[in-house]
PDB file of N, CA and C in Angstrom:
ATOM      1  N   UNK A   1      -0.500   9.571  -9.613  1.00  0.00           N
ATOM      2  CA  UNK A   1      -0.591   8.192 -10.205  1.00  0.00           C
ATOM      3  C   UNK A   1      -1.092   6.972  -9.549  1.00  0.00           C
ATOM      4  N   UNK A   2      -1.915   6.923  -9.930  1.00  0.00           N
ATOM      5  CA  UNK A   2      -3.134   5.364  -9.564  1.00  0.00           C
ATOM      6  C   UNK A   2      -2.533   3.953  -9.861  1.00  0.00           C
ATOM      7  N   UNK A   3      -2.474   3.025  -9.304  1.00  0.00           N
ATOM      8  CA  UNK A   3      -1.803   1.766  -9.835  1.00  0.00           C
ATOM      9  C   UNK A   3      -2.995   0.906  -9.095  1.00  0.00           C
ATOM     10  N   UNK A   4      -4.101  -0.232 -10.166  1.00  0.00           N
ATOM     11  CA  UNK A   4      -4.524  -0.443  -9.505  1.00  0.00           C
ATOM     12  C   UNK A   4      -3.930  -2.182  -9.367  1.00  0.00           C
ATOM     13  N   UNK A   5      -3.666  -2.746  -8.443  1.00  0.00           N
ATOM     14  CA  UNK A   5      -3.447  -4.303  -8.387  1.00  0.00           C
ATOM     15  C   UNK A   5      -4.099  -5.386  -7.515  1.00  0.00           C
ATOM     16  N   UNK A   6      -3.973  -6.514  -8.630  1.00  0.00           N
ATOM     17  CA  UNK A   6      -4.871  -7.456  -8.505  1.00  0.00           C
ATOM     18  C   UNK A   6      -3.918  -8.653  -8.136  1.00  0.00           C
ATOM     19  N   UNK A   7      -4.619  -9.578  -6.947  1.00  0.00           N
ATOM     20  CA  UNK A   7      -3.726 -10.613  -6.997  1.00  0.00           C
ATOM     21  C   UNK A   7      -4.762 -11.908  -6.871  1.00  0.00           C
ATOM     22  N   UNK A   8      -3.988 -13.007  -7.207  1.00  0.00           N
ATOM     23  CA  UNK A   8      -5.251 -14.026  -7.609  1.00  0.00           C
ATOM     24  C   UNK A   8      -5.065 -15.327  -7.157  1.00  0.00           C
ATOM     25  N   UNK A   9      -5.425 -16.653  -6.859  1.00  0.00           N
ATOM     26  CA  UNK A   9      -5.822 -17.706  -6.647  1.00  0.00           C
ATOM     27  C   UNK A   9      -4.823 -17.674  -4.894  1.00  0.00           C
ATOM     28  N   UNK A  10      -3.531 -18.628  -4.978  1.00  0.00           N
ATOM     29  CA  UNK A  10      -3.114 -18.623  -3.870  1.00  0.00           C
ATOM     30  C   UNK A  10      -2.366 -17.581  -3.330  1.00  0.00           C
ATOM     31  N   UNK A  11      -1.986 -16.490  -4.543  1.00  0.00           N
ATOM     32  CA  UNK A  11      -1.662 -15.352  -3.837  1.00  0.00           C
ATOM     33  C   UNK A  11      -2.269 -14.478  -3.024  1.00  0.00           C
ATOM     34  N   UNK A  12      -3.441 -14.619  -3.673  1.00  0.00           N
ATOM     35  CA  UNK A  12      -4.855 -13.780  -2.468  1.00  0.00           C
ATOM     36  C   UNK A  12      -4.873 -14.239  -1.480  1.00  0.00           C
ATOM     37  N   UNK A  13      -4.960 -15.583  -1.450  1.00  0.00           N
ATOM     38  CA  UNK A  13      -5.070 -16.287   0.110  1.00  0.00           C
ATOM     39  C   UNK A  13      -4.237 -16.254   0.805  1.00  0.00           C
ATOM     40  N   UNK A  14      -2.902 -16.232   0.248  1.00  0.00           N
ATOM     41  CA  UNK A  14      -1.964 -16.061   1.204  1.00  0.00           C
ATOM     42  C   UNK A  14      -1.915 -14.492   1.839  1.00  0.00           C
ATOM     43  N   UNK A  15      -2.097 -13.556   0.967  1.00  0.00           N
ATOM     44  CA  UNK A  15      -1.914 -12.411   1.559  1.00  0.00           C
ATOM     45  C   UNK A  15      -3.442 -11.891   2.478  1.00  0.00           C
ATOM     46  N   UNK A  16      -4.211 -12.065   2.125  1.00  0.00           N
ATOM     47  CA  UNK A  16      -5.612 -12.207   2.489  1.00  0.00           C
ATOM     48  C   UNK A  16      -5.882 -11.164   1.975  1.00  0.00           C
ATOM     49  N   UNK A  17      -5.880 -10.585   1.019  1.00  0.00           N
ATOM     50  CA  UNK A  17      -7.066  -9.641   0.054  1.00  0.00           C
ATOM     51  C   UNK A  17      -6.492  -9.947  -1.049  1.00  0.00           C
ATOM     52  N   UNK A  18      -7.499  -9.258  -2.331  1.00  0.00           N
ATOM     53  CA  UNK A  18      -7.546  -9.494  -3.940  1.00  0.00           C
ATOM     54  C   UNK A  18      -7.112  -7.895  -4.690  1.00  0.00           C
ATOM     55  N   UNK A  19      -7.425  -7.118  -3.950  1.00  0.00           N
ATOM     56  CA  UNK A  19      -7.075  -6.226  -4.936  1.00  0.00           C
ATOM     57  C   UNK A  19      -6.314  -5.175  -3.848  1.00  0.00           C
ATOM     58  N   UNK A  20      -5.533  -4.108  -4.202  1.00  0.00           N
ATOM     59  CA  UNK A  20      -4.587  -3.226  -3.789  1.00  0.00           C
ATOM     60  C   UNK A  20      -4.838  -1.898  -4.574  1.00  0.00           C
ATOM     61  N   UNK A  21      -4.945  -0.941  -4.172  1.00  0.00           N
ATOM     62  CA  UNK A  21      -4.744   0.595  -4.859  1.00  0.00           C
ATOM     63  C   UNK A  21      -3.277   1.711  -4.362  1.00  0.00           C
ATOM     64  N   UNK A  22      -2.383   1.660  -5.218  1.00  0.00           N
ATOM     65  CA  UNK A  22      -1.233   2.531  -4.985  1.00  0.00           C
ATOM     66  C   UNK A  22      -1.320   3.976  -5.482  1.00  0.00           C
ATOM     67  N   UNK A  23      -1.076   5.018  -4.820  1.00  0.00           N
ATOM     68  CA  UNK A  23      -1.083   6.324  -5.385  1.00  0.00           C
ATOM     69  C   UNK A  23       0.606   6.478  -4.965  1.00  0.00           C
ATOM     70  N   UNK A  24       1.185   6.751  -5.998  1.00  0.00           N
ATOM     71  CA  UNK A  24       2.614   6.979  -6.352  1.00  0.00           C
ATOM     72  C   UNK A  24       2.589   8.437  -7.136  1.00  0.00           C
ATOM     73  N   UNK A  25       3.564   8.928  -6.692  1.00  0.00           N
ATOM     74  CA  UNK A  25       4.419  10.196  -7.314  1.00  0.00           C
ATOM     75  C   UNK A  25       5.372   9.817  -7.993  1.00  0.00           C
ATOM     76  N   UNK A  26       6.210   8.683  -8.379  1.00  0.00           N
ATOM     77  CA  UNK A  26       7.127   8.396  -8.874  1.00  0.00           C
ATOM     78  C   UNK A  26       6.901   7.179 -10.044  1.00  0.00           C
ATOM     79  N   UNK A  27       8.204   7.026 -10.941  1.00  0.00           N
ATOM     80  CA  UNK A  27       7.919   5.644 -11.881  1.00  0.00           C
ATOM     81  C   UNK A  27       8.534   4.466 -11.388  1.00  0.00           C
ATOM     82  N   UNK A  28       7.564   3.329 -11.487  1.00  0.00           N
ATOM     83  CA  UNK A  28       7.629   2.117 -10.687  1.00  0.00           C
ATOM     84  C   UNK A  28       7.829   1.077 -11.735  1.00  0.00           C
ATOM     85  N   UNK A  29       8.725   0.079 -11.245  1.00  0.00           N
ATOM     86  CA  UNK A  29       8.729  -1.074 -11.942  1.00  0.00           C
ATOM     87  C   UNK A  29       7.262  -2.444 -11.462  1.00  0.00           C
ATOM     88  N   UNK A  30       6.912  -3.482 -12.204  1.00  0.00           N
ATOM     89  CA  UNK A  30       5.919  -4.060 -11.579  1.00  0.00           C
ATOM     90  C   UNK A  30       6.358  -4.619 -10.469  1.00  0.00           C
ATOM     91  N   UNK A  31       7.927  -4.952 -10.123  1.00  0.00           N
ATOM     92  CA  UNK A  31       8.426  -5.384  -8.791  1.00  0.00           C
ATOM     93  C   UNK A  31       8.128  -4.691  -7.971  1.00  0.00           C
ATOM     94  N   UNK A  32       8.397  -3.158  -8.353  1.00  0.00           N
ATOM     95  CA  UNK A  32       8.089  -2.311  -6.937  1.00  0.00           C
ATOM     96  C   UNK A  32       6.842  -2.480  -6.599  1.00  0.00           C
ATOM     97  N   UNK A  33       5.840  -2.540  -7.649  1.00  0.00           N
ATOM     98  CA  UNK A  33       4.481  -2.733  -7.391  1.00  0.00           C
ATOM     99  C   UNK A  33       4.138  -3.917  -6.445  1.00  0.00           C
ATOM    100  N   UNK A  34       4.558  -5.318  -6.334  1.00  0.00           N
ATOM    101  CA  UNK A  34       4.507  -6.176  -5.895  1.00  0.00           C
ATOM    102  C   UNK A  34       5.169  -5.694  -4.149  1.00  0.00           C
ATOM    103  N   UNK A  35       6.348  -5.306  -4.114  1.00  0.00           N
ATOM    104  CA  UNK A  35       6.900  -4.699  -2.494  1.00  0.00           C
ATOM    105  C   UNK A  35       6.274  -3.717  -1.724  1.00  0.00           C
ATOM    106  N   UNK A  36       5.516  -2.897  -2.755  1.00  0.00           N
ATOM    107  CA  UNK A  36       4.823  -1.629  -1.959  1.00  0.00           C
ATOM    108  C   UNK A  36       3.569  -2.463  -1.516  1.00  0.00           C
ATOM    109  N   UNK A  37       3.212  -3.099  -2.413  1.00  0.00           N
ATOM    110  CA  UNK A  37       1.609  -3.443  -2.354  1.00  0.00           C
ATOM    111  C   UNK A  37       1.254  -4.824  -1.160  1.00  0.00           C
ATOM    112  N   UNK A  38       2.503  -5.230  -1.064  1.00  0.00           N
ATOM    113  CA  UNK A  38       2.022  -6.586  -0.374  1.00  0.00           C
ATOM    114  C   UNK A  38       3.359  -6.549   0.876  1.00  0.00           C
ATOM    115  N   UNK A  39       3.701  -4.823   1.427  1.00  0.00           N
ATOM    116  CA  UNK A  39       4.578  -4.750   2.521  1.00  0.00           C
ATOM    117  C   UNK A  39       6.019  -5.399   2.510  1.00  0.00           C
ATOM    118  N   UNK A  40       6.458  -5.745   1.232  1.00  0.00           N
ATOM    119  CA  UNK A  40       7.945  -6.589   1.508  1.00  0.00           C
ATOM    120  C   UNK A  40       7.708  -8.152   1.371  1.00  0.00           C
ATOM    121  N   UNK A  41       6.465  -8.584   1.259  1.00  0.00           N
ATOM    122  CA  UNK A  41       6.167  -9.891   1.572  1.00  0.00           C
ATOM    123  C   UNK A  41       6.914 -11.144   0.276  1.00  0.00           C
ATOM    124  N   UNK A  42       7.757 -11.743   0.244  1.00  0.00           N
ATOM    125  CA  UNK A  42       8.728 -12.529  -0.527  1.00  0.00           C
ATOM    126  C   UNK A  42       7.612 -13.315  -1.975  1.00  0.00           C
ATOM    127  N   UNK A  43       8.163 -12.736  -3.335  1.00  0.00           N
ATOM    128  CA  UNK A  43       6.986 -13.088  -4.066  1.00  0.00           C
ATOM    129  C   UNK A  43       7.577 -14.491  -4.260  1.00  0.00           C
ATOM    130  N   UNK A  44       6.678 -15.766  -4.709  1.00  0.00           N
ATOM    131  CA  UNK A  44       6.905 -16.630  -4.763  1.00  0.00           C
ATOM    132  C   UNK A  44       7.766 -17.127  -6.197  1.00  0.00           C
ATOM    133  N   UNK A  45       8.936 -18.209  -6.029  1.00  0.00           N
ATOM    134  CA  UNK A  45       9.208 -17.996  -7.350  1.00  0.00           C
ATOM    135  C   UNK A  45       8.467 -18.575  -8.583  1.00  0.00           C
ATOM    136  N   UNK A  46       8.661 -17.712  -9.813  1.00  0.00           N
ATOM    137  CA  UNK A  46       8.075 -18.083 -10.899  1.00  0.00           C
ATOM    138  C   UNK A  46       6.271 -17.616 -10.884  1.00  0.00           C
ATOM    139  N   UNK A  47       6.353 -16.618 -10.336  1.00  0.00           N
ATOM    140  CA  UNK A  47       4.722 -15.900 -10.491  1.00  0.00           C
ATOM    141  C   UNK A  47       4.984 -14.950 -11.708  1.00  0.00           C
ATOM    142  N   UNK A  48       3.723 -15.115 -12.352  1.00  0.00           N
ATOM    143  CA  UNK A  48       3.423 -14.246 -13.311  1.00  0.00           C
ATOM    144  C   UNK A  48       2.655 -13.022 -13.061  1.00  0.00           C
ATOM    145  N   UNK A  49       3.330 -11.892 -13.782  1.00  0.00           N
ATOM    146  CA  UNK A  49       3.086 -10.408 -13.793  1.00  0.00           C
ATOM    147  C   UNK A  49       2.239  -9.661 -15.538  1.00  0.00           C
ATOM    148  N   UNK A  50       1.048  -9.322 -14.981  1.00  0.00           N
ATOM    149  CA  UNK A  50       0.312  -8.592 -16.031  1.00  0.00           C
ATOM    150  C   UNK A  50       0.174  -7.324 -15.785  1.00  0.00           C
ATOM    151  N   UNK A  51       0.125  -6.385 -16.783  1.00  0.00           N
ATOM    152  CA  UNK A  51      -0.109  -5.015 -16.956  1.00  0.00           C
ATOM    153  C   UNK A  51      -1.180  -4.935 -18.064  1.00  0.00           C
ATOM    154  N   UNK A  52      -2.182  -4.598 -17.460  1.00  0.00           N
ATOM    155  CA  UNK A  52      -3.326  -4.531 -18.616  1.00  0.00           C
ATOM    156  C   UNK A  52      -3.628  -5.500 -19.415  1.00  0.00           C
ATOM    157  N   UNK A  53      -3.588  -6.592 -18.717  1.00  0.00           N
ATOM    158  CA  UNK A  53      -3.585  -7.938 -19.484  1.00  0.00           C
ATOM    159  C   UNK A  53      -2.813  -8.575 -20.292  1.00  0.00           C
ATOM    160  N   UNK A  54      -1.555  -8.152 -20.311  1.00  0.00           N
ATOM    161  CA  UNK A  54      -0.827  -8.345 -20.939  1.00  0.00           C
ATOM    162  C   UNK A  54       0.695  -9.143 -19.931  1.00  0.00           C
ATOM    163  N   UNK A  55       1.118 -10.007 -20.235  1.00  0.00           N
ATOM    164  CA  UNK A  55       2.230 -10.607 -19.401  1.00  0.00           C
ATOM    165  C   UNK A  55       3.600  -9.681 -19.922  1.00  0.00           C
ATOM    166  N   UNK A  56       3.991  -9.148 -18.955  1.00  0.00           N
ATOM    167  CA  UNK A  56       5.284  -8.392 -18.538  1.00  0.00           C
ATOM    168  C   UNK A  56       6.549  -9.135 -17.916  1.00  0.00           C
ATOM    169  N   UNK A  57       7.529  -8.172 -17.783  1.00  0.00           N
ATOM    170  CA  UNK A  57       8.850  -8.734 -16.825  1.00  0.00           C
ATOM    171  C   UNK A  57       8.556  -8.272 -15.391  1.00  0.00           C
ATOM    172  N   UNK A  58       9.368  -8.361 -14.530  1.00  0.00           N
ATOM    173  CA  UNK A  58       9.036  -7.562 -13.387  1.00  0.00           C
ATOM    174  C   UNK A  58       9.591  -6.308 -13.374  1.00  0.00           C
ATOM    175  N   UNK A  59      10.415  -5.920 -14.707  1.00  0.00           N
ATOM    176  CA  UNK A  59      11.424  -4.783 -14.963  1.00  0.00           C
ATOM    177  C   UNK A  59      10.202  -3.911 -15.605  1.00  0.00           C
ATOM    178  N   UNK A  60       8.990  -4.272 -16.219  1.00  0.00           N
ATOM    179  CA  UNK A  60       8.317  -3.132 -16.655  1.00  0.00           C
ATOM    180  C   UNK A  60       7.808  -2.137 -15.943  1.00  0.00           C
ATOM    181  N   UNK A  61       8.282  -1.104 -16.865  1.00  0.00           N
ATOM    182  CA  UNK A  61       7.909   0.091 -16.059  1.00  0.00           C
ATOM    183  C   UNK A  61       6.099   0.839 -15.904  1.00  0.00           C
ATOM    184  N   UNK A  62       5.902   0.775 -14.885  1.00  0.00           N
ATOM    185  CA  UNK A  62       4.186   0.843 -14.844  1.00  0.00           C
ATOM    186  C   UNK A  62       3.869   2.197 -14.799  1.00  0.00           C
ATOM    187  N   UNK A  63       2.631   2.474 -15.649  1.00  0.00           N
ATOM    188  CA  UNK A  63       2.086   3.724 -16.150  1.00  0.00           C
ATOM    189  C   UNK A  63       0.890   3.882 -15.089  1.00  0.00           C
ATOM    190  N   UNK A  64       0.579   5.736 -15.014  1.00  0.00           N
ATOM    191  CA  UNK A  64      -0.500   5.683 -14.248  1.00  0.00           C
ATOM    192  C   UNK A  64      -1.776   5.234 -14.974  1.00  0.00           C
ATOM    193  N   UNK A  65      -2.349   4.988 -13.788  1.00  0.00           N
ATOM    194  CA  UNK A  65      -3.962   3.959 -14.379  1.00  0.00           C
ATOM    195  C   UNK A  65      -3.861   2.513 -14.847  1.00  0.00           C
ATOM    196  N   UNK A  66      -2.583   2.363 -14.876  1.00  0.00           N
ATOM    197  CA  UNK A  66      -2.402   0.708 -15.319  1.00  0.00           C
ATOM    198  C   UNK A  66      -3.125  -0.228 -14.220  1.00  0.00           C
ATOM    199  N   UNK A  67      -3.392  -1.665 -14.532  1.00  0.00           N
ATOM    200  CA  UNK A  67      -3.660  -2.340 -13.810  1.00  0.00           C
ATOM    201  C   UNK A  67      -2.641  -3.536 -13.846  1.00  0.00           C
ATOM    202  N   UNK A  68      -1.689  -3.837 -12.291  1.00  0.00           N
ATOM    203  CA  UNK A  68      -1.069  -4.850 -12.434  1.00  0.00           C
ATOM    204  C   UNK A  68      -1.694  -6.336 -12.378  1.00  0.00           C
ATOM    205  N   UNK A  69      -1.615  -6.977 -12.634  1.00  0.00           N
ATOM    206  CA  UNK A  69      -2.297  -8.174 -11.852  1.00  0.00           C
ATOM    207  C   UNK A  69      -1.118  -9.590 -11.327  1.00  0.00           C
ATOM    208  N   UNK A  70      -0.693 -10.071 -10.240  1.00  0.00           N
ATOM    209  CA  UNK A  70       0.261 -11.302  -9.944  1.00  0.00           C
ATOM    210  C   UNK A  70      -0.649 -12.365 -10.152  1.00  0.00           C
ATOM    211  N   UNK A  71      -0.103 -13.579 -10.589  1.00  0.00           N
ATOM    212  CA  UNK A  71      -0.853 -15.217 -10.649  1.00  0.00           C
ATOM    213  C   UNK A  71       0.110 -15.605 -10.377  1.00  0.00           C
ATOM    214  N   UNK A  72       0.222 -16.837  -9.503  1.00  0.00           N
ATOM    215  CA  UNK A  72       0.731 -17.932  -8.797  1.00  0.00           C
ATOM    216  C   UNK A  72       1.444 -18.976  -9.838  1.00  0.00           C
ATOM    217  N   UNK A  73       2.196 -19.370  -9.606  1.00  0.00           N
ATOM    218  CA  UNK A  73       2.644 -20.352 -10.717  1.00  0.00           C
ATOM    219  C   UNK A  73       1.557 -21.491 -11.108  1.00  0.00           C
ATOM    220  N   UNK A  74       1.478 -21.858 -12.423  1.00  0.00           N
ATOM    221  CA  UNK A  74       0.329 -22.416 -12.330  1.00  0.00           C
ATOM    222  C   UNK A  74       1.115 -24.014 -12.605  1.00  0.00           C
ATOM    223  N   UNK A  75       0.127 -25.046 -12.035  1.00  0.00           N
ATOM    224  CA  UNK A  75       0.793 -26.485 -11.923  1.00  0.00           C
ATOM    225  C   UNK A  75      -0.234 -27.531 -12.624  1.00  0.00           C
ATOM    226  N   UNK A  76       0.055 -28.970 -12.969  1.00  0.00           N
ATOM    227  CA  UNK A  76      -1.273 -29.433 -13.468  1.00  0.00           C
ATOM    228  C   UNK A  76      -0.868 -30.358 -14.261  1.00  0.00           C
ATOM    229  N   UNK A  77      -1.404 -31.495 -14.361  1.00  0.00           N
ATOM    230  CA  UNK A  77      -1.085 -32.409 -15.290  1.00  0.00           C
ATOM    231  C   UNK A  77      -2.100 -32.597 -16.369  1.00  0.00           C
TER     232      UNK A  77
END
């Protein structure tokens, strides 16, 4: 099972990398993907997650070949 992971904006800067690839033999949730690809780094509050360019909850089950993207909270005025 190969999962492509992408981090955007301040998450990319905080982690020091924009992409990761996970090879797993078990079903994962989006939250599991965060924990494995960041080595347990705390997830900022209100982080958005998308699977294959559709927003999902952190409990979403990830399938082989999925792209999981994490976006920091958006602020603005």
